[in-house]
Amino acid sequence: MEEKQKQERKVVHLQLGDEHLYYGSIAQLFEDFTEEELGISYYKTKNNLKAKGIIATDKCIIRQGVLRTKVKSV
């Protein structure tokens, strides 16, 4: 039987005050919130989040992580 690799996918975590929201992409995050609401532009977030891992503004904190899932055996 062939062993399957674990699946991983990127997760973008937004902390806006006491609220925590999770997104599958930076693009979707900016569909729900404006640059003014987050205090940072889409392009700055896209270009810097991966390298820094976390971006903090006076309005929010944006983190990028990995969602790890177990692969079901067939």
PDB file of N, CA and C in Angstrom:
ATOM      1  N   MET A   1       0.834  -1.175   0.000  1.00  0.00           N
ATOM      2  CA  MET A   1       0.000   0.000   0.000  1.00  0.00           C
ATOM      3  C   MET A   1       0.888   1.250   0.000  1.00  0.00           C
ATOM      4  N   GLU A   2       0.508   2.212  -0.804  1.00  0.00           N
ATOM      5  CA  GLU A   2       1.276   3.450  -0.946  1.00  0.00           C
ATOM      6  C   GLU A   2       0.934   4.403   0.202  1.00  0.00           C
ATOM      7  N   GLU A   3       1.960   4.980   0.835  1.00  0.00           N
ATOM      8  CA  GLU A   3       1.751   5.909   1.934  1.00  0.00           C
ATOM      9  C   GLU A   3       1.499   7.302   1.384  1.00  0.00           C
ATOM     10  N   LYS A   4       0.446   7.934   1.867  1.00  0.00           N
ATOM     11  CA  LYS A   4       0.124   9.290   1.429  1.00  0.00           C
ATOM     12  C   LYS A   4       0.819  10.299   2.319  1.00  0.00           C
ATOM     13  N   GLN A   5       1.168  11.449   1.750  1.00  0.00           N
ATOM     14  CA  GLN A   5       1.798  12.519   2.516  1.00  0.00           C
ATOM     15  C   GLN A   5       0.722  13.341   3.221  1.00  0.00           C
ATOM     16  N   LYS A   6       1.102  13.941   4.334  1.00  0.00           N
ATOM     17  CA  LYS A   6       0.177  14.816   5.041  1.00  0.00           C
ATOM     18  C   LYS A   6      -0.108  16.034   4.180  1.00  0.00           C
ATOM     19  N   GLN A   7      -1.333  16.505   4.252  1.00  0.00           N
ATOM     20  CA  GLN A   7      -1.723  17.678   3.496  1.00  0.00           C
ATOM     21  C   GLN A   7      -1.543  18.917   4.348  1.00  0.00           C
ATOM     22  N   GLU A   8      -1.030  19.974   3.751  1.00  0.00           N
ATOM     23  CA  GLU A   8      -0.855  21.240   4.432  1.00  0.00           C
ATOM     24  C   GLU A   8      -1.373  22.353   3.536  1.00  0.00           C
ATOM     25  N   ARG A   9      -2.001  23.339   4.161  1.00  0.00           N
ATOM     26  CA  ARG A   9      -2.410  24.507   3.390  1.00  0.00           C
ATOM     27  C   ARG A   9      -2.252  25.762   4.223  1.00  0.00           C
ATOM     28  N   LYS A  10      -2.049  26.845   3.542  1.00  0.00           N
ATOM     29  CA  LYS A  10      -1.811  28.144   4.163  1.00  0.00           C
ATOM     30  C   LYS A  10      -3.093  28.655   4.816  1.00  0.00           C
ATOM     31  N   VAL A  11      -2.948  29.281   5.980  1.00  0.00           N
ATOM     32  CA  VAL A  11      -4.059  29.915   6.677  1.00  0.00           C
ATOM     33  C   VAL A  11      -3.637  31.326   7.066  1.00  0.00           C
ATOM     34  N   VAL A  12      -4.500  32.278   6.811  1.00  0.00           N
ATOM     35  CA  VAL A  12      -4.250  33.653   7.203  1.00  0.00           C
ATOM     36  C   VAL A  12      -5.167  33.958   8.387  1.00  0.00           C
ATOM     37  N   HIS A  13      -4.569  34.352   9.504  1.00  0.00           N
ATOM     38  CA  HIS A  13      -5.307  34.628  10.737  1.00  0.00           C
ATOM     39  C   HIS A  13      -5.369  36.128  10.950  1.00  0.00           C
ATOM     40  N   LEU A  14      -6.576  36.645  11.090  1.00  0.00           N
ATOM     41  CA  LEU A  14      -6.783  38.066  11.343  1.00  0.00           C
ATOM     42  C   LEU A  14      -7.290  38.243  12.766  1.00  0.00           C
ATOM     43  N   GLN A  15      -6.595  39.062  13.531  1.00  0.00           N
ATOM     44  CA  GLN A  15      -7.066  39.451  14.856  1.00  0.00           C
ATOM     45  C   GLN A  15      -7.446  40.915  14.773  1.00  0.00           C
ATOM     46  N   LEU A  16      -8.719  41.167  14.940  1.00  0.00           N
ATOM     47  CA  LEU A  16      -9.268  42.515  14.852  1.00  0.00           C
ATOM     48  C   LEU A  16      -9.962  42.790  16.180  1.00  0.00           C
ATOM     49  N   GLY A  17      -9.258  43.442  17.092  1.00  0.00           N
ATOM     50  CA  GLY A  17      -9.771  43.604  18.450  1.00  0.00           C
ATOM     51  C   GLY A  17      -9.793  42.243  19.137  1.00  0.00           C
ATOM     52  N   ASP A  18     -10.953  41.860  19.657  1.00  0.00           N
ATOM     53  CA  ASP A  18     -11.109  40.545  20.301  1.00  0.00           C
ATOM     54  C   ASP A  18     -11.591  39.470  19.332  1.00  0.00           C
ATOM     55  N   GLU A  19     -11.806  39.847  18.080  1.00  0.00           N
ATOM     56  CA  GLU A  19     -12.323  38.918  17.073  1.00  0.00           C
ATOM     57  C   GLU A  19     -11.169  38.234  16.340  1.00  0.00           C
ATOM     58  N   HIS A  20     -11.291  36.919  16.132  1.00  0.00           N
ATOM     59  CA  HIS A  20     -10.295  36.136  15.409  1.00  0.00           C
ATOM     60  C   HIS A  20     -10.980  35.493  14.198  1.00  0.00           C
ATOM     61  N   LEU A  21     -10.453  35.784  13.015  1.00  0.00           N
ATOM     62  CA  LEU A  21     -11.012  35.252  11.775  1.00  0.00           C
ATOM     63  C   LEU A  21      -9.914  34.548  10.999  1.00  0.00           C
ATOM     64  N   TYR A  22     -10.287  33.522  10.249  1.00  0.00           N
ATOM     65  CA  TYR A  22      -9.323  32.713   9.518  1.00  0.00           C
ATOM     66  C   TYR A  22      -9.691  32.679   8.039  1.00  0.00           C
ATOM     67  N   TYR A  23      -8.671  32.853   7.195  1.00  0.00           N
ATOM     68  CA  TYR A  23      -8.874  32.929   5.751  1.00  0.00           C
ATOM     69  C   TYR A  23      -7.938  31.984   5.022  1.00  0.00           C
ATOM     70  N   GLY A  24      -8.350  31.539   3.860  1.00  0.00           N
ATOM     71  CA  GLY A  24      -7.531  30.693   3.018  1.00  0.00           C
ATOM     72  C   GLY A  24      -6.611  31.490   2.109  1.00  0.00           C
ATOM     73  N   SER A  25      -6.834  32.799   2.034  1.00  0.00           N
ATOM     74  CA  SER A  25      -5.980  33.638   1.185  1.00  0.00           C
ATOM     75  C   SER A  25      -6.032  35.083   1.642  1.00  0.00           C
ATOM     76  N   ILE A  26      -4.997  35.810   1.310  1.00  0.00           N
ATOM     77  CA  ILE A  26      -4.939  37.236   1.595  1.00  0.00           C
ATOM     78  C   ILE A  26      -5.984  37.961   0.753  1.00  0.00           C
ATOM     79  N   ALA A  27      -6.190  37.502  -0.460  1.00  0.00           N
ATOM     80  CA  ALA A  27      -7.171  38.130  -1.349  1.00  0.00           C
ATOM     81  C   ALA A  27      -8.567  38.094  -0.730  1.00  0.00           C
ATOM     82  N   GLN A  28      -8.958  36.978  -0.138  1.00  0.00           N
ATOM     83  CA  GLN A  28     -10.273  36.882   0.475  1.00  0.00           C
ATOM     84  C   GLN A  28     -10.382  37.791   1.699  1.00  0.00           C
ATOM     85  N   LEU A  29      -9.319  37.904   2.457  1.00  0.00           N
ATOM     86  CA  LEU A  29      -9.298  38.812   3.599  1.00  0.00           C
ATOM     87  C   LEU A  29      -9.629  40.231   3.151  1.00  0.00           C
ATOM     88  N   PHE A  30      -9.021  40.663   2.037  1.00  0.00           N
ATOM     89  CA  PHE A  30      -9.253  42.016   1.543  1.00  0.00           C
ATOM     90  C   PHE A  30     -10.560  42.142   0.762  1.00  0.00           C
ATOM     91  N   GLU A  31     -11.255  41.041   0.518  1.00  0.00           N
ATOM     92  CA  GLU A  31     -12.623  41.108  -0.005  1.00  0.00           C
ATOM     93  C   GLU A  31     -13.576  41.487   1.125  1.00  0.00           C
ATOM     94  N   ASP A  32     -13.262  41.049   2.345  1.00  0.00           N
ATOM     95  CA  ASP A  32     -14.126  41.292   3.500  1.00  0.00           C
ATOM     96  C   ASP A  32     -13.818  42.594   4.224  1.00  0.00           C
ATOM     97  N   PHE A  33     -12.580  43.076   4.144  1.00  0.00           N
ATOM     98  CA  PHE A  33     -12.162  44.287   4.851  1.00  0.00           C
ATOM     99  C   PHE A  33     -11.422  45.211   3.905  1.00  0.00           C
ATOM    100  N   THR A  34     -11.539  46.501   4.158  1.00  0.00           N
ATOM    101  CA  THR A  34     -10.828  47.484   3.340  1.00  0.00           C
ATOM    102  C   THR A  34      -9.443  47.748   3.928  1.00  0.00           C
ATOM    103  N   GLU A  35      -8.603  48.365   3.135  1.00  0.00           N
ATOM    104  CA  GLU A  35      -7.270  48.761   3.599  1.00  0.00           C
ATOM    105  C   GLU A  35      -7.381  49.736   4.773  1.00  0.00           C
ATOM    106  N   GLU A  36      -8.382  50.584   4.747  1.00  0.00           N
ATOM    107  CA  GLU A  36      -8.583  51.552   5.833  1.00  0.00           C
ATOM    108  C   GLU A  36      -8.973  50.829   7.129  1.00  0.00           C
ATOM    109  N   GLU A  37      -9.795  49.797   7.034  1.00  0.00           N
ATOM    110  CA  GLU A  37     -10.210  49.054   8.226  1.00  0.00           C
ATOM    111  C   GLU A  37      -9.053  48.283   8.853  1.00  0.00           C
ATOM    112  N   LEU A  38      -8.113  47.809   8.015  1.00  0.00           N
ATOM    113  CA  LEU A  38      -6.998  47.000   8.499  1.00  0.00           C
ATOM    114  C   LEU A  38      -5.739  47.817   8.777  1.00  0.00           C
ATOM    115  N   GLY A  39      -5.644  48.981   8.168  1.00  0.00           N
ATOM    116  CA  GLY A  39      -4.474  49.826   8.381  1.00  0.00           C
ATOM    117  C   GLY A  39      -3.261  49.403   7.576  1.00  0.00           C
ATOM    118  N   ILE A  40      -3.480  48.630   6.512  1.00  0.00           N
ATOM    119  CA  ILE A  40      -2.390  48.175   5.648  1.00  0.00           C
ATOM    120  C   ILE A  40      -2.974  47.834   4.281  1.00  0.00           C
ATOM    121  N   SER A  41      -2.163  47.967   3.247  1.00  0.00           N
ATOM    122  CA  SER A  41      -2.648  47.671   1.897  1.00  0.00           C
ATOM    123  C   SER A  41      -2.533  46.184   1.570  1.00  0.00           C
ATOM    124  N   TYR A  42      -3.300  45.787   0.590  1.00  0.00           N
ATOM    125  CA  TYR A  42      -3.261  44.403   0.102  1.00  0.00           C
ATOM    126  C   TYR A  42      -1.847  44.052  -0.368  1.00  0.00           C
ATOM    127  N   TYR A  43      -1.232  44.934  -1.139  1.00  0.00           N
ATOM    128  CA  TYR A  43       0.077  44.631  -1.723  1.00  0.00           C
ATOM    129  C   TYR A  43       1.176  44.552  -0.666  1.00  0.00           C
ATOM    130  N   LYS A  44       1.120  45.426   0.338  1.00  0.00           N
ATOM    131  CA  LYS A  44       2.092  45.346   1.422  1.00  0.00           C
ATOM    132  C   LYS A  44       1.941  44.041   2.187  1.00  0.00           C
ATOM    133  N   THR A  45       0.701  43.654   2.422  1.00  0.00           N
ATOM    134  CA  THR A  45       0.438  42.398   3.134  1.00  0.00           C
ATOM    135  C   THR A  45       0.941  41.218   2.310  1.00  0.00           C
ATOM    136  N   LYS A  46       0.579  41.201   1.036  1.00  0.00           N
ATOM    137  CA  LYS A  46       0.978  40.096   0.163  1.00  0.00           C
ATOM    138  C   LYS A  46       2.494  39.976   0.050  1.00  0.00           C
ATOM    139  N   ASN A  47       3.189  41.102  -0.044  1.00  0.00           N
ATOM    140  CA  ASN A  47       4.636  41.085  -0.238  1.00  0.00           C
ATOM    141  C   ASN A  47       5.425  40.811   1.034  1.00  0.00           C
ATOM    142  N   ASN A  48       4.857  41.082   2.205  1.00  0.00           N
ATOM    143  CA  ASN A  48       5.622  40.988   3.443  1.00  0.00           C
ATOM    144  C   ASN A  48       5.189  39.890   4.409  1.00  0.00           C
ATOM    145  N   LEU A  49       3.977  39.394   4.307  1.00  0.00           N
ATOM    146  CA  LEU A  49       3.470  38.456   5.310  1.00  0.00           C
ATOM    147  C   LEU A  49       4.248  37.149   5.347  1.00  0.00           C
ATOM    148  N   LYS A  50       4.567  36.607   4.207  1.00  0.00           N
ATOM    149  CA  LYS A  50       5.285  35.328   4.189  1.00  0.00           C
ATOM    150  C   LYS A  50       6.665  35.453   4.843  1.00  0.00           C
ATOM    151  N   ALA A  51       7.377  36.507   4.530  1.00  0.00           N
ATOM    152  CA  ALA A  51       8.726  36.695   5.070  1.00  0.00           C
ATOM    153  C   ALA A  51       8.700  36.991   6.564  1.00  0.00           C
ATOM    154  N   LYS A  52       7.749  37.810   6.988  1.00  0.00           N
ATOM    155  CA  LYS A  52       7.693  38.222   8.384  1.00  0.00           C
ATOM    156  C   LYS A  52       6.893  37.251   9.257  1.00  0.00           C
ATOM    157  N   GLY A  53       5.879  36.619   8.669  1.00  0.00           N
ATOM    158  CA  GLY A  53       5.039  35.707   9.431  1.00  0.00           C
ATOM    159  C   GLY A  53       3.949  36.397  10.226  1.00  0.00           C
ATOM    160  N   ILE A  54       4.152  37.672  10.543  1.00  0.00           N
ATOM    161  CA  ILE A  54       3.163  38.453  11.290  1.00  0.00           C
ATOM    162  C   ILE A  54       3.298  39.922  10.914  1.00  0.00           C
ATOM    163  N   ILE A  55       2.155  40.567  10.748  1.00  0.00           N
ATOM    164  CA  ILE A  55       2.120  41.997  10.484  1.00  0.00           C
ATOM    165  C   ILE A  55       1.170  42.610  11.508  1.00  0.00           C
ATOM    166  N   ALA A  56       1.643  43.621  12.221  1.00  0.00           N
ATOM    167  CA  ALA A  56       0.815  44.304  13.213  1.00  0.00           C
ATOM    168  C   ALA A  56       0.659  45.764  12.817  1.00  0.00           C
ATOM    169  N   THR A  57      -0.570  46.224  12.814  1.00  0.00           N
ATOM    170  CA  THR A  57      -0.857  47.645  12.605  1.00  0.00           C
ATOM    171  C   THR A  57      -1.556  48.147  13.858  1.00  0.00           C
ATOM    172  N   ASP A  58      -1.897  49.417  13.879  1.00  0.00           N
ATOM    173  CA  ASP A  58      -2.628  49.940  15.029  1.00  0.00           C
ATOM    174  C   ASP A  58      -4.081  49.470  15.049  1.00  0.00           C
ATOM    175  N   LYS A  59      -4.518  48.795  13.969  1.00  0.00           N
ATOM    176  CA  LYS A  59      -5.905  48.335  13.871  1.00  0.00           C
ATOM    177  C   LYS A  59      -6.071  46.819  13.948  1.00  0.00           C
ATOM    178  N   CYS A  60      -5.029  46.065  13.588  1.00  0.00           N
ATOM    179  CA  CYS A  60      -5.175  44.606  13.544  1.00  0.00           C
ATOM    180  C   CYS A  60      -3.823  43.903  13.599  1.00  0.00           C
ATOM    181  N   ILE A  61      -3.895  42.589  13.722  1.00  0.00           N
ATOM    182  CA  ILE A  61      -2.715  41.729  13.597  1.00  0.00           C
ATOM    183  C   ILE A  61      -3.059  40.662  12.558  1.00  0.00           C
ATOM    184  N   ILE A  62      -2.176  40.484  11.592  1.00  0.00           N
ATOM    185  CA  ILE A  62      -2.367  39.462  10.559  1.00  0.00           C
ATOM    186  C   ILE A  62      -1.207  38.487  10.656  1.00  0.00           C
ATOM    187  N   ARG A  63      -1.539  37.206  10.761  1.00  0.00           N
ATOM    188  CA  ARG A  63      -0.516  36.162  10.839  1.00  0.00           C
ATOM    189  C   ARG A  63      -0.752  35.167   9.702  1.00  0.00           C
ATOM    190  N   GLN A  64       0.304  34.487   9.325  1.00  0.00           N
ATOM    191  CA  GLN A  64       0.173  33.416   8.339  1.00  0.00           C
ATOM    192  C   GLN A  64       0.726  32.148   8.951  1.00  0.00           C
ATOM    193  N   GLY A  65      -0.006  31.068   8.817  1.00  0.00           N
ATOM    194  CA  GLY A  65       0.430  29.791   9.354  1.00  0.00           C
ATOM    195  C   GLY A  65       0.050  28.665   8.416  1.00  0.00           C
ATOM    196  N   VAL A  66       0.213  27.460   8.914  1.00  0.00           N
ATOM    197  CA  VAL A  66      -0.080  26.269   8.122  1.00  0.00           C
ATOM    198  C   VAL A  66      -1.133  25.444   8.846  1.00  0.00           C
ATOM    199  N   LEU A  67      -2.164  25.058   8.123  1.00  0.00           N
ATOM    200  CA  LEU A  67      -3.188  24.171   8.636  1.00  0.00           C
ATOM    201  C   LEU A  67      -2.778  22.757   8.254  1.00  0.00           C
ATOM    202  N   ARG A  68      -2.565  21.928   9.240  1.00  0.00           N
ATOM    203  CA  ARG A  68      -2.124  20.553   8.974  1.00  0.00           C
ATOM    204  C   ARG A  68      -3.311  19.617   9.157  1.00  0.00           C
ATOM    205  N   THR A  69      -3.479  18.747   8.194  1.00  0.00           N
ATOM    206  CA  THR A  69      -4.587  17.796   8.254  1.00  0.00           C
ATOM    207  C   THR A  69      -4.048  16.378   8.114  1.00  0.00           C
ATOM    208  N   LYS A  70      -4.739  15.469   8.740  1.00  0.00           N
ATOM    209  CA  LYS A  70      -4.364  14.070   8.640  1.00  0.00           C
ATOM    210  C   LYS A  70      -4.964  13.475   7.370  1.00  0.00           C
ATOM    211  N   VAL A  71      -4.178  12.712   6.666  1.00  0.00           N
ATOM    212  CA  VAL A  71      -4.653  12.064   5.457  1.00  0.00           C
ATOM    213  C   VAL A  71      -5.294  10.743   5.852  1.00  0.00           C
ATOM    214  N   LYS A  72      -6.506  10.542   5.339  1.00  0.00           N
ATOM    215  CA  LYS A  72      -7.186   9.276   5.620  1.00  0.00           C
ATOM    216  C   LYS A  72      -6.563   8.166   4.800  1.00  0.00           C
ATOM    217  N   SER A  73      -6.349   7.019   5.450  1.00  0.00           N
ATOM    218  CA  SER A  73      -5.811   5.882   4.685  1.00  0.00           C
ATOM    219  C   SER A  73      -6.940   5.198   3.940  1.00  0.00           C
ATOM    220  N   VAL A  74      -6.617   4.740   2.768  1.00  0.00           N
ATOM    221  CA  VAL A  74      -7.614   4.129   1.888  1.00  0.00           C
ATOM    222  C   VAL A  74      -7.641   2.638   2.095  1.00  0.00           C
TER     223      VAL A  74
END
